[in-house]
PDB file of N, CA and C in Angstrom:
ATOM      1  N   MET A   1       1.082  -1.344  -0.330  1.00  0.00           N
ATOM      2  CA  MET A   1       0.059  -0.143  -0.066  1.00  0.00           C
ATOM      3  C   MET A   1       1.246   1.149  -0.068  1.00  0.00           C
ATOM      4  N   SER A   2       0.555   2.034  -0.467  1.00  0.00           N
ATOM      5  CA  SER A   2       1.294   3.227  -0.962  1.00  0.00           C
ATOM      6  C   SER A   2       1.056   4.237   0.202  1.00  0.00           C
ATOM      7  N   GLN A   3       1.891   5.080   0.559  1.00  0.00           N
ATOM      8  CA  GLN A   3       1.829   6.070   1.201  1.00  0.00           C
ATOM      9  C   GLN A   3       1.474   7.804   1.236  1.00  0.00           C
ATOM     10  N   PRO A   4       0.727   8.461   2.319  1.00  0.00           N
ATOM     11  CA  PRO A   4       0.209   9.710   1.477  1.00  0.00           C
ATOM     12  C   PRO A   4       1.311  10.083   0.796  1.00  0.00           C
ATOM     13  N   LEU A   5       0.962  11.386  -0.166  1.00  0.00           N
ATOM     14  CA  LEU A   5       2.257  12.304  -0.128  1.00  0.00           C
ATOM     15  C   LEU A   5       2.588  13.002   0.715  1.00  0.00           C
ATOM     16  N   ILE A   6       2.103  13.615   1.836  1.00  0.00           N
ATOM     17  CA  ILE A   6       2.985  14.149   2.608  1.00  0.00           C
ATOM     18  C   ILE A   6       3.998  13.652   3.573  1.00  0.00           C
ATOM     19  N   ASN A   7       3.724  11.934   3.708  1.00  0.00           N
ATOM     20  CA  ASN A   7       4.776  11.359   3.849  1.00  0.00           C
ATOM     21  C   ASN A   7       6.174  11.022   3.042  1.00  0.00           C
ATOM     22  N   ARG A   8       5.587  11.620   1.564  1.00  0.00           N
ATOM     23  CA  ARG A   8       7.037  11.557   0.433  1.00  0.00           C
ATOM     24  C   ARG A   8       7.539  13.126   0.177  1.00  0.00           C
ATOM     25  N   MET A   9       7.084  14.070   1.444  1.00  0.00           N
ATOM     26  CA  MET A   9       7.969  14.771   1.381  1.00  0.00           C
ATOM     27  C   MET A   9       8.839  15.192   2.195  1.00  0.00           C
ATOM     28  N   GLU A  10      10.196  16.068   1.378  1.00  0.00           N
ATOM     29  CA  GLU A  10      10.753  16.333   2.462  1.00  0.00           C
ATOM     30  C   GLU A  10      10.222  17.436   3.448  1.00  0.00           C
ATOM     31  N   THR A  11      10.857  17.407   4.880  1.00  0.00           N
ATOM     32  CA  THR A  11      10.607  17.855   6.276  1.00  0.00           C
ATOM     33  C   THR A  11      10.064  19.548   5.971  1.00  0.00           C
ATOM     34  N   VAL A  12      11.696  19.921   5.075  1.00  0.00           N
ATOM     35  CA  VAL A  12      11.831  21.531   5.244  1.00  0.00           C
ATOM     36  C   VAL A  12      10.721  21.844   3.709  1.00  0.00           C
ATOM     37  N   ARG A  13       9.977  21.244   3.158  1.00  0.00           N
ATOM     38  CA  ARG A  13       8.651  21.296   2.087  1.00  0.00           C
ATOM     39  C   ARG A  13       7.806  21.407   2.932  1.00  0.00           C
ATOM     40  N   ILE A  14       7.671  20.193   4.028  1.00  0.00           N
ATOM     41  CA  ILE A  14       6.589  20.379   5.380  1.00  0.00           C
ATOM     42  C   ILE A  14       6.023  21.665   5.959  1.00  0.00           C
ATOM     43  N   ASN A  15       7.142  22.206   6.243  1.00  0.00           N
ATOM     44  CA  ASN A  15       7.640  23.321   7.017  1.00  0.00           C
ATOM     45  C   ASN A  15       6.948  24.582   6.479  1.00  0.00           C
ATOM     46  N   GLU A  16       7.494  24.342   4.941  1.00  0.00           N
ATOM     47  CA  GLU A  16       7.100  25.113   4.078  1.00  0.00           C
ATOM     48  C   GLU A  16       5.348  25.772   4.218  1.00  0.00           C
ATOM     49  N   ILE A  17       4.932  24.891   4.135  1.00  0.00           N
ATOM     50  CA  ILE A  17       3.588  24.390   4.084  1.00  0.00           C
ATOM     51  C   ILE A  17       2.877  25.165   5.042  1.00  0.00           C
ATOM     52  N   LEU A  18       3.029  25.231   6.188  1.00  0.00           N
ATOM     53  CA  LEU A  18       2.624  24.714   7.496  1.00  0.00           C
ATOM     54  C   LEU A  18       2.862  26.670   7.694  1.00  0.00           C
ATOM     55  N   SER A  19       4.035  27.309   7.403  1.00  0.00           N
ATOM     56  CA  SER A  19       4.322  28.796   7.474  1.00  0.00           C
ATOM     57  C   SER A  19       3.174  29.198   6.347  1.00  0.00           C
ATOM     58  N   TYR A  20       2.792  29.049   5.383  1.00  0.00           N
ATOM     59  CA  TYR A  20       1.886  29.401   4.507  1.00  0.00           C
ATOM     60  C   TYR A  20       0.673  29.023   4.994  1.00  0.00           C
ATOM     61  N   SER A  21       0.494  28.355   5.700  1.00  0.00           N
ATOM     62  CA  SER A  21      -1.361  28.022   6.694  1.00  0.00           C
ATOM     63  C   SER A  21      -1.383  28.832   7.909  1.00  0.00           C
ATOM     64  N   HIS A  22      -0.330  29.459   8.462  1.00  0.00           N
ATOM     65  CA  HIS A  22      -0.413  30.871   9.139  1.00  0.00           C
ATOM     66  C   HIS A  22      -0.547  32.187   8.535  1.00  0.00           C
ATOM     67  N   THR A  23      -0.318  32.157   7.295  1.00  0.00           N
ATOM     68  CA  THR A  23      -0.601  32.974   6.635  1.00  0.00           C
ATOM     69  C   THR A  23      -1.732  33.294   5.865  1.00  0.00           C
ATOM     70  N   TYR A  24      -1.868  31.945   5.371  1.00  0.00           N
ATOM     71  CA  TYR A  24      -3.753  31.428   4.695  1.00  0.00           C
ATOM     72  C   TYR A  24      -4.360  30.331   4.916  1.00  0.00           C
ATOM     73  N   PRO A  25      -5.003  30.295   6.244  1.00  0.00           N
ATOM     74  CA  PRO A  25      -5.283  29.162   7.119  1.00  0.00           C
ATOM     75  C   PRO A  25      -6.053  28.195   6.631  1.00  0.00           C
ATOM     76  N   HIS A  26      -6.614  28.401   5.937  1.00  0.00           N
ATOM     77  CA  HIS A  26      -8.361  27.861   4.954  1.00  0.00           C
ATOM     78  C   HIS A  26      -7.098  26.936   3.784  1.00  0.00           C
ATOM     79  N   SER A  27      -6.598  27.845   3.116  1.00  0.00           N
ATOM     80  CA  SER A  27      -6.105  26.966   2.159  1.00  0.00           C
ATOM     81  C   SER A  27      -4.606  26.348   2.413  1.00  0.00           C
ATOM     82  N   GLY A  28      -4.222  26.561   3.481  1.00  0.00           N
ATOM     83  CA  GLY A  28      -3.337  25.774   3.771  1.00  0.00           C
ATOM     84  C   GLY A  28      -3.896  24.468   4.561  1.00  0.00           C
ATOM     85  N   GLN A  29      -4.788  24.330   5.290  1.00  0.00           N
ATOM     86  CA  GLN A  29      -5.362  23.067   5.953  1.00  0.00           C
ATOM     87  C   GLN A  29      -5.851  22.542   4.556  1.00  0.00           C
ATOM     88  N   TYR A  30      -6.641  23.196   3.809  1.00  0.00           N
ATOM     89  CA  TYR A  30      -7.210  22.259   2.877  1.00  0.00           C
ATOM     90  C   TYR A  30      -5.627  21.510   1.915  1.00  0.00           C
ATOM     91  N   LEU A  31      -4.689  22.317   1.605  1.00  0.00           N
ATOM     92  CA  LEU A  31      -4.090  21.552   1.127  1.00  0.00           C
ATOM     93  C   LEU A  31      -3.084  20.157   2.191  1.00  0.00           C
ATOM     94  N   MET A  32      -3.007  20.897   3.214  1.00  0.00           N
ATOM     95  CA  MET A  32      -2.232  19.710   4.070  1.00  0.00           C
ATOM     96  C   MET A  32      -3.186  18.515   4.027  1.00  0.00           C
ATOM     97  N   ASP A  33      -4.553  18.770   4.078  1.00  0.00           N
ATOM     98  CA  ASP A  33      -5.673  17.682   4.576  1.00  0.00           C
ATOM     99  C   ASP A  33      -5.769  16.342   2.887  1.00  0.00           C
ATOM    100  N   THR A  34      -5.370  17.739   1.602  1.00  0.00           N
ATOM    101  CA  THR A  34      -5.149  16.811   0.591  1.00  0.00           C
ATOM    102  C   THR A  34      -3.852  15.887   0.689  1.00  0.00           C
ATOM    103  N   LEU A  35      -2.768  16.666   0.567  1.00  0.00           N
ATOM    104  CA  LEU A  35      -2.033  15.712   0.592  1.00  0.00           C
ATOM    105  C   LEU A  35      -1.607  14.281   1.724  1.00  0.00           C
ATOM    106  N   MET A  36      -2.381  14.264   2.979  1.00  0.00           N
ATOM    107  CA  MET A  36      -2.428  13.270   3.868  1.00  0.00           C
ATOM    108  C   MET A  36      -3.493  12.234   3.221  1.00  0.00           C
ATOM    109  N   GLU A  37      -4.705  12.462   2.402  1.00  0.00           N
ATOM    110  CA  GLU A  37      -5.586  11.558   1.907  1.00  0.00           C
ATOM    111  C   GLU A  37      -4.757  11.019   0.486  1.00  0.00           C
ATOM    112  N   THR A  38      -4.121  11.725  -0.332  1.00  0.00           N
ATOM    113  CA  THR A  38      -4.209  11.668  -1.198  1.00  0.00           C
ATOM    114  C   THR A  38      -2.858  10.579  -1.745  1.00  0.00           C
ATOM    115  N   LYS A  39      -2.618   9.680  -2.413  1.00  0.00           N
ATOM    116  CA  LYS A  39      -1.337   8.763  -2.387  1.00  0.00           C
ATOM    117  C   LYS A  39      -0.648   8.525  -3.483  1.00  0.00           C
ATOM    118  N   ASN A  40      -1.205   9.763  -4.795  1.00  0.00           N
ATOM    119  CA  ASN A  40      -0.104   9.296  -5.824  1.00  0.00           C
ATOM    120  C   ASN A  40      -0.650  10.901  -6.555  1.00  0.00           C
ATOM    121  N   TRP A  41       0.389  11.490  -6.789  1.00  0.00           N
ATOM    122  CA  TRP A  41       0.615  12.977  -7.135  1.00  0.00           C
ATOM    123  C   TRP A  41      -0.387  13.220  -8.255  1.00  0.00           C
ATOM    124  N   LEU A  42      -0.385  12.141  -9.272  1.00  0.00           N
ATOM    125  CA  LEU A  42      -1.639  12.499 -10.203  1.00  0.00           C
ATOM    126  C   LEU A  42      -2.827  12.612 -10.335  1.00  0.00           C
ATOM    127  N   GLU A  43      -3.312  12.181  -9.106  1.00  0.00           N
ATOM    128  CA  GLU A  43      -4.642  12.358  -8.939  1.00  0.00           C
ATOM    129  C   GLU A  43      -5.090  13.595  -8.243  1.00  0.00           C
ATOM    130  N   LEU A  44      -4.087  14.445  -8.174  1.00  0.00           N
ATOM    131  CA  LEU A  44      -4.147  15.921  -7.633  1.00  0.00           C
ATOM    132  C   LEU A  44      -4.918  16.805  -8.575  1.00  0.00           C
ATOM    133  N   GLN A  45      -6.588  17.578  -8.463  1.00  0.00           N
ATOM    134  CA  GLN A  45      -6.740  18.310  -8.402  1.00  0.00           C
ATOM    135  C   GLN A  45      -6.247  19.414  -8.999  1.00  0.00           C
ATOM    136  N   TYR A  46      -6.456  20.409  -9.847  1.00  0.00           N
ATOM    137  CA  TYR A  46      -6.213  21.908 -10.186  1.00  0.00           C
ATOM    138  C   TYR A  46      -5.974  22.756  -9.117  1.00  0.00           C
ATOM    139  N   ASP A  47      -6.919  22.680  -8.715  1.00  0.00           N
ATOM    140  CA  ASP A  47      -6.776  23.662  -7.173  1.00  0.00           C
ATOM    141  C   ASP A  47      -6.067  23.651  -6.517  1.00  0.00           C
ATOM    142  N   VAL A  48      -5.624  22.081  -6.334  1.00  0.00           N
ATOM    143  CA  VAL A  48      -4.389  21.648  -4.950  1.00  0.00           C
ATOM    144  C   VAL A  48      -2.961  22.247  -5.636  1.00  0.00           C
ATOM    145  N   ILE A  49      -3.079  21.721  -7.180  1.00  0.00           N
ATOM    146  CA  ILE A  49      -2.055  22.353  -7.602  1.00  0.00           C
ATOM    147  C   ILE A  49      -1.287  23.507  -8.034  1.00  0.00           C
ATOM    148  N   CYS A  50      -2.347  24.456  -7.824  1.00  0.00           N
ATOM    149  CA  CYS A  50      -1.980  25.857  -7.898  1.00  0.00           C
ATOM    150  C   CYS A  50      -2.003  25.982  -6.233  1.00  0.00           C
ATOM    151  N   LEU A  51      -2.751  25.911  -5.345  1.00  0.00           N
ATOM    152  CA  LEU A  51      -1.874  25.968  -3.900  1.00  0.00           C
ATOM    153  C   LEU A  51      -0.286  25.396  -3.555  1.00  0.00           C
ATOM    154  N   LEU A  52      -0.082  24.402  -4.408  1.00  0.00           N
ATOM    155  CA  LEU A  52       1.334  23.973  -4.066  1.00  0.00           C
ATOM    156  C   LEU A  52       2.117  25.154  -5.027  1.00  0.00           C
ATOM    157  N   ASN A  53       2.080  25.681  -6.385  1.00  0.00           N
ATOM    158  CA  ASN A  53       2.687  26.539  -6.381  1.00  0.00           C
ATOM    159  C   ASN A  53       2.660  28.207  -5.961  1.00  0.00           C
ATOM    160  N   ASP A  54       2.079  28.021  -5.339  1.00  0.00           N
ATOM    161  CA  ASP A  54       1.778  29.346  -4.495  1.00  0.00           C
ATOM    162  C   ASP A  54       2.903  29.244  -3.500  1.00  0.00           C
ATOM    163  N   VAL A  55       2.737  27.932  -2.744  1.00  0.00           N
ATOM    164  CA  VAL A  55       3.892  27.657  -1.345  1.00  0.00           C
ATOM    165  C   VAL A  55       5.182  27.411  -2.261  1.00  0.00           C
ATOM    166  N   PHE A  56       5.377  26.912  -3.094  1.00  0.00           N
ATOM    167  CA  PHE A  56       6.782  25.972  -3.830  1.00  0.00           C
ATOM    168  C   PHE A  56       7.205  27.470  -5.045  1.00  0.00           C
ATOM    169  N   ASN A  57       6.398  27.558  -5.873  1.00  0.00           N
ATOM    170  CA  ASN A  57       6.928  28.660  -7.113  1.00  0.00           C
ATOM    171  C   ASN A  57       7.495  27.661  -8.123  1.00  0.00           C
ATOM    172  N   CYS A  58       6.668  26.281  -7.976  1.00  0.00           N
ATOM    173  CA  CYS A  58       7.051  25.208  -8.424  1.00  0.00           C
ATOM    174  C   CYS A  58       6.783  24.998 -10.641  1.00  0.00           C
ATOM    175  N   GLY A  59       5.590  25.960 -10.089  1.00  0.00           N
ATOM    176  CA  GLY A  59       4.846  25.888 -11.868  1.00  0.00           C
ATOM    177  C   GLY A  59       4.150  24.441 -11.963  1.00  0.00           C
ATOM    178  N   TYR A  60       2.976  24.588 -13.026  1.00  0.00           N
ATOM    179  CA  TYR A  60       1.893  22.992 -12.777  1.00  0.00           C
ATOM    180  C   TYR A  60       2.302  22.202 -13.964  1.00  0.00           C
ATOM    181  N   ARG A  61       3.385  21.844 -14.420  1.00  0.00           N
ATOM    182  CA  ARG A  61       2.957  20.793 -15.581  1.00  0.00           C
ATOM    183  C   ARG A  61       3.751  19.809 -14.327  1.00  0.00           C
ATOM    184  N   PRO A  62       3.471  18.616 -14.814  1.00  0.00           N
ATOM    185  CA  PRO A  62       3.777  17.247 -14.389  1.00  0.00           C
ATOM    186  C   PRO A  62       5.043  17.294 -13.719  1.00  0.00           C
ATOM    187  N   SER A  63       6.319  17.759 -14.368  1.00  0.00           N
ATOM    188  CA  SER A  63       7.552  17.763 -14.079  1.00  0.00           C
ATOM    189  C   SER A  63       7.923  18.754 -12.832  1.00  0.00           C
ATOM    190  N   ASP A  64       7.214  19.574 -12.618  1.00  0.00           N
ATOM    191  CA  ASP A  64       7.112  20.521 -11.894  1.00  0.00           C
ATOM    192  C   ASP A  64       6.624  19.672 -10.653  1.00  0.00           C
ATOM    193  N   ILE A  65       5.458  19.153 -10.304  1.00  0.00           N
ATOM    194  CA  ILE A  65       4.897  18.866  -9.459  1.00  0.00           C
ATOM    195  C   ILE A  65       5.471  17.422  -8.962  1.00  0.00           C
ATOM    196  N   SER A  66       6.035  16.465  -9.448  1.00  0.00           N
ATOM    197  CA  SER A  66       6.729  15.054  -9.308  1.00  0.00           C
ATOM    198  C   SER A  66       8.040  15.613  -8.066  1.00  0.00           C
ATOM    199  N   PRO A  67       8.958  15.991  -8.844  1.00  0.00           N
ATOM    200  CA  PRO A  67       9.689  16.309  -7.811  1.00  0.00           C
ATOM    201  C   PRO A  67       9.664  16.418  -6.254  1.00  0.00           C
ATOM    202  N   LEU A  68       8.381  17.364  -5.655  1.00  0.00           N
ATOM    203  CA  LEU A  68       7.961  17.407  -4.434  1.00  0.00           C
ATOM    204  C   LEU A  68       7.778  16.345  -3.577  1.00  0.00           C
ATOM    205  N   PHE A  69       7.517  15.205  -4.104  1.00  0.00           N
ATOM    206  CA  PHE A  69       7.213  13.632  -3.763  1.00  0.00           C
ATOM    207  C   PHE A  69       8.092  12.890  -4.226  1.00  0.00           C
ATOM    208  N   GLU A  70       9.109  13.068  -4.122  1.00  0.00           N
ATOM    209  CA  GLU A  70       9.790  12.104  -4.376  1.00  0.00           C
ATOM    210  C   GLU A  70      10.598  11.420  -3.103  1.00  0.00           C
ATOM    211  N   SER A  71      10.246  10.256  -3.148  1.00  0.00           N
ATOM    212  CA  SER A  71      10.780   9.395  -1.783  1.00  0.00           C
ATOM    213  C   SER A  71      11.497   9.660  -1.298  1.00  0.00           C
ATOM    214  N   LYS A  72      11.887   9.805  -0.005  1.00  0.00           N
ATOM    215  CA  LYS A  72      12.740   9.995   0.935  1.00  0.00           C
ATOM    216  C   LYS A  72      13.701   8.884   1.246  1.00  0.00           C
TER     217      LYS A  72
END
């Protein structure tokens, strides 16, 4: 069984999401909840990808998103 996306992120990245959550509590919580429930980044909806871009300025393409979830 695959692990949630949040478990596949580096601690530094998780801390960036938590910092974002202090400024934008509802969006940050939604992002965290989604990453805790989703097991494959290909299942992420566009609104979550937009939030990831807001936090990490990573872009919207699959090649931009997948490195966020490389196994530790």
